[in-house]
Amino acid sequence: MRTIYLVGFMGAGKSAIGAALAARLGRSFVDLDGAVERRLGMTVGEIFSGPGETVFRAAETAELERIAASDDLVVATGGGAFAASENRALIEGSGGVSVFLDPPWEVIARRLEGVADDRPRWVDAGHARRLLEDRRPAYLAARIHLALSGGETPEEVADLVTGALAETACVS
């Protein structure tokens, strides 16, 4: 079965939904940011403030290459991963299924209040909103687009993803 890649902006719920979806489907779950942290031995924040975003993005692509060689996974990508054309090509070329989780901006902003220190690309709400709009065309290239209200539980979104996958015959 194809690997499912959850894509979207920071605060979209990719990690929580990915864990719920993996449990529902009986698959292993991979958090891409966590895989990069293990690869480099630093947190995402430490990577951005130390070696820098270029090093982070190279490690992110290397981890995606490793992951793309596997099947039956659910992967929560980082907010910028799918914005890179080489990463989109890796995901699509591997036969993976990309799912854009798209809650309203107001929900994302509310979720990120108070946790901005853990998000190295967070400068302020205005900058984050511009970054989201810059990345949106890439996110819309995902095979499946789920517009969310933001009030759903991770389990409810996992149900929506499962239904969308069945409708598009992406998973057997």
Protein backbone atom coordinates (compact mmCIF):
# COMPACT_ATOMS: atom_id res chain seq x y z
CA MET A 1 0.00 0.00 0.00
CA ARG A 2 1.10 3.53 -0.72
CA THR A 3 2.56 5.79 1.92
CA ILE A 4 0.31 8.66 2.93
CA TYR A 5 1.95 12.07 3.36
CA LEU A 6 0.07 14.72 5.33
CA VAL A 7 1.02 18.20 4.15
CA GLY A 8 0.03 21.69 5.21
CA PHE A 9 1.09 24.68 7.23
CA MET A 10 2.42 24.60 10.79
CA GLY A 11 -0.46 24.21 13.19
CA ALA A 12 -2.63 22.33 10.68
CA GLY A 13 -2.58 19.26 12.94
CA LYS A 14 -0.46 16.98 10.76
CA SER A 15 1.30 15.21 13.63
CA ALA A 16 -1.78 14.54 15.77
CA ILE A 17 -3.88 13.55 12.76
CA GLY A 18 -1.05 11.43 11.37
CA ALA A 19 -0.78 9.45 14.60
CA ALA A 20 -4.56 8.90 14.65
CA LEU A 21 -4.60 7.91 10.98
CA ALA A 22 -1.70 5.48 11.39
CA ALA A 23 -3.47 3.84 14.33
CA ARG A 24 -6.70 3.59 12.34
CA LEU A 25 -4.92 1.99 9.35
CA GLY A 26 -2.53 -0.18 11.37
CA ARG A 27 0.51 1.54 9.87
CA SER A 28 3.68 2.99 11.29
CA PHE A 29 3.73 6.74 11.80
CA VAL A 30 6.70 8.98 10.93
CA ASP A 31 6.96 12.62 11.96
CA LEU A 32 9.38 14.07 9.41
CA ASP A 33 10.61 16.85 11.71
CA GLY A 34 11.35 14.22 14.37
CA ALA A 35 13.26 12.13 11.83
CA VAL A 36 15.37 15.17 10.90
CA GLU A 37 16.02 15.89 14.59
CA ARG A 38 17.25 12.32 15.12
CA ARG A 39 19.41 12.49 11.97
CA LEU A 40 21.11 15.73 13.07
CA GLY A 41 20.99 15.24 16.85
CA MET A 42 19.36 18.64 17.43
CA THR A 43 15.86 20.07 17.71
CA VAL A 44 14.39 21.87 14.73
CA GLY A 45 14.85 25.19 16.56
CA GLU A 46 18.51 24.40 17.27
CA ILE A 47 19.08 23.45 13.63
CA PHE A 48 17.55 26.70 12.36
CA SER A 49 19.45 28.85 14.86
CA GLY A 50 22.74 26.93 14.43
CA PRO A 51 23.61 25.26 11.15
CA GLY A 52 20.61 26.97 9.53
CA GLU A 53 17.58 26.33 7.39
CA THR A 54 19.64 25.13 4.40
CA VAL A 55 21.06 22.28 6.49
CA PHE A 56 17.60 21.49 7.82
CA ARG A 57 16.06 21.39 4.32
CA ALA A 58 18.84 19.12 2.99
CA ALA A 59 18.31 16.70 5.89
CA GLU A 60 14.55 16.88 5.35
CA THR A 61 14.95 15.86 1.71
CA ALA A 62 17.38 13.07 2.67
CA GLU A 63 14.84 11.71 5.17
CA LEU A 64 12.09 11.90 2.55
CA GLU A 65 14.29 9.90 0.16
CA ARG A 66 14.69 7.23 2.85
CA ILE A 67 10.98 7.23 3.67
CA ALA A 68 9.96 7.13 0.00
CA ALA A 69 11.63 3.73 -0.30
CA SER A 70 9.07 2.32 2.18
CA ASP A 71 5.39 1.50 1.91
CA ASP A 72 2.52 1.41 4.39
CA LEU A 73 3.54 4.50 6.35
CA VAL A 74 1.72 7.63 7.43
CA VAL A 75 4.06 10.61 7.34
CA ALA A 76 3.47 14.04 8.86
CA THR A 77 5.65 16.39 6.85
CA GLY A 78 6.97 19.68 8.15
CA GLY A 79 5.21 22.85 7.06
CA GLY A 80 7.82 23.69 4.44
CA ALA A 81 8.56 20.20 3.12
CA PHE A 82 5.89 20.09 0.41
CA ALA A 83 6.72 23.65 -0.65
CA ALA A 84 9.97 22.34 -2.15
CA SER A 85 9.47 20.99 -5.67
CA GLU A 86 12.07 18.24 -5.19
CA ASN A 87 10.16 16.95 -2.16
CA ARG A 88 6.85 16.99 -4.04
CA ALA A 89 8.55 15.05 -6.84
CA LEU A 90 9.92 12.50 -4.34
CA ILE A 91 6.49 11.95 -2.82
CA GLU A 92 4.69 11.67 -6.13
CA GLY A 93 7.48 9.64 -7.75
CA SER A 94 7.36 7.09 -4.94
CA GLY A 95 3.65 6.51 -5.55
CA GLY A 96 2.85 8.22 -2.27
CA VAL A 97 -0.44 9.98 -1.68
CA SER A 98 -0.27 13.58 -0.52
CA VAL A 99 -3.12 14.97 1.58
CA PHE A 100 -3.36 18.73 2.21
CA LEU A 101 -4.88 19.46 5.63
CA ASP A 102 -6.35 22.95 5.32
CA PRO A 103 -7.92 24.51 8.42
CA PRO A 104 -8.80 28.22 8.36
CA TRP A 105 -6.05 30.74 9.11
CA GLU A 106 -7.78 31.83 12.34
CA VAL A 107 -7.57 28.26 13.67
CA ILE A 108 -3.89 27.97 12.79
CA ALA A 109 -3.11 31.32 14.43
CA ARG A 110 -4.98 30.30 17.58
CA ARG A 111 -3.16 26.95 17.75
CA LEU A 112 0.22 28.64 17.41
CA GLU A 113 -0.34 31.25 20.12
CA GLY A 114 2.13 30.62 22.90
CA VAL A 115 4.07 27.92 21.04
CA ALA A 116 5.77 30.18 18.52
CA ASP A 117 9.14 29.57 20.19
CA ASP A 118 8.93 25.97 18.97
CA ARG A 119 8.36 27.13 15.37
CA PRO A 120 11.53 28.58 13.87
CA ARG A 121 9.73 30.11 10.88
CA TRP A 122 7.29 31.97 13.17
CA VAL A 123 8.15 35.66 13.36
CA ASP A 124 4.68 37.05 13.98
CA ALA A 125 1.14 36.37 12.78
CA GLY A 126 1.45 38.66 9.76
CA HIS A 127 4.67 37.04 8.58
CA ALA A 128 3.21 33.56 9.15
CA ARG A 129 0.11 34.41 7.15
CA ARG A 130 2.24 35.63 4.22
CA LEU A 131 4.33 32.45 4.45
CA LEU A 132 1.13 30.37 4.33
CA GLU A 133 -0.09 32.24 1.26
CA ASP A 134 3.31 31.79 -0.41
CA ARG A 135 3.17 28.04 0.23
CA ARG A 136 -0.52 27.58 -0.57
CA PRO A 137 -0.03 26.90 -4.33
CA ALA A 138 2.35 24.06 -3.46
CA TYR A 139 -0.07 22.64 -0.88
CA LEU A 140 -2.84 22.74 -3.47
CA ALA A 141 -0.73 20.45 -5.66
CA ALA A 142 -1.45 17.63 -3.18
CA ARG A 143 -3.49 14.77 -4.57
CA ILE A 144 -6.19 15.23 -1.92
CA HIS A 145 -7.31 18.55 -0.41
CA LEU A 146 -9.29 18.48 2.84
CA ALA A 147 -10.77 21.82 3.85
CA LEU A 148 -11.29 21.57 7.59
CA SER A 149 -13.25 23.67 10.05
CA GLY A 150 -10.56 23.25 12.68
CA GLY A 151 -13.05 21.95 15.22
CA GLU A 152 -12.59 18.31 14.26
CA THR A 153 -10.73 15.88 16.50
CA PRO A 154 -7.70 14.08 15.06
CA GLU A 155 -9.80 10.91 14.92
CA GLU A 156 -12.55 12.69 12.96
CA VAL A 157 -10.01 14.00 10.46
CA ALA A 158 -8.50 10.50 10.22
CA ASP A 159 -12.00 9.33 9.20
CA LEU A 160 -12.18 12.10 6.58
CA VAL A 161 -8.77 11.15 5.20
CA THR A 162 -9.72 7.48 5.07
CA GLY A 163 -12.92 8.35 3.23
CA ALA A 164 -11.11 10.60 0.76
CA LEU A 165 -8.52 7.90 0.10
CA ALA A 166 -11.25 5.36 -0.59
CA GLU A 167 -13.08 7.76 -2.92
CA THR A 168 -9.95 8.37 -4.94
CA ALA A 169 -8.93 4.69 -4.85
CA CYS A 170 -5.54 5.69 -3.46
CA VAL A 171 -5.35 2.90 -0.89
CA SER A 172 -6.44 -0.67 -1.27
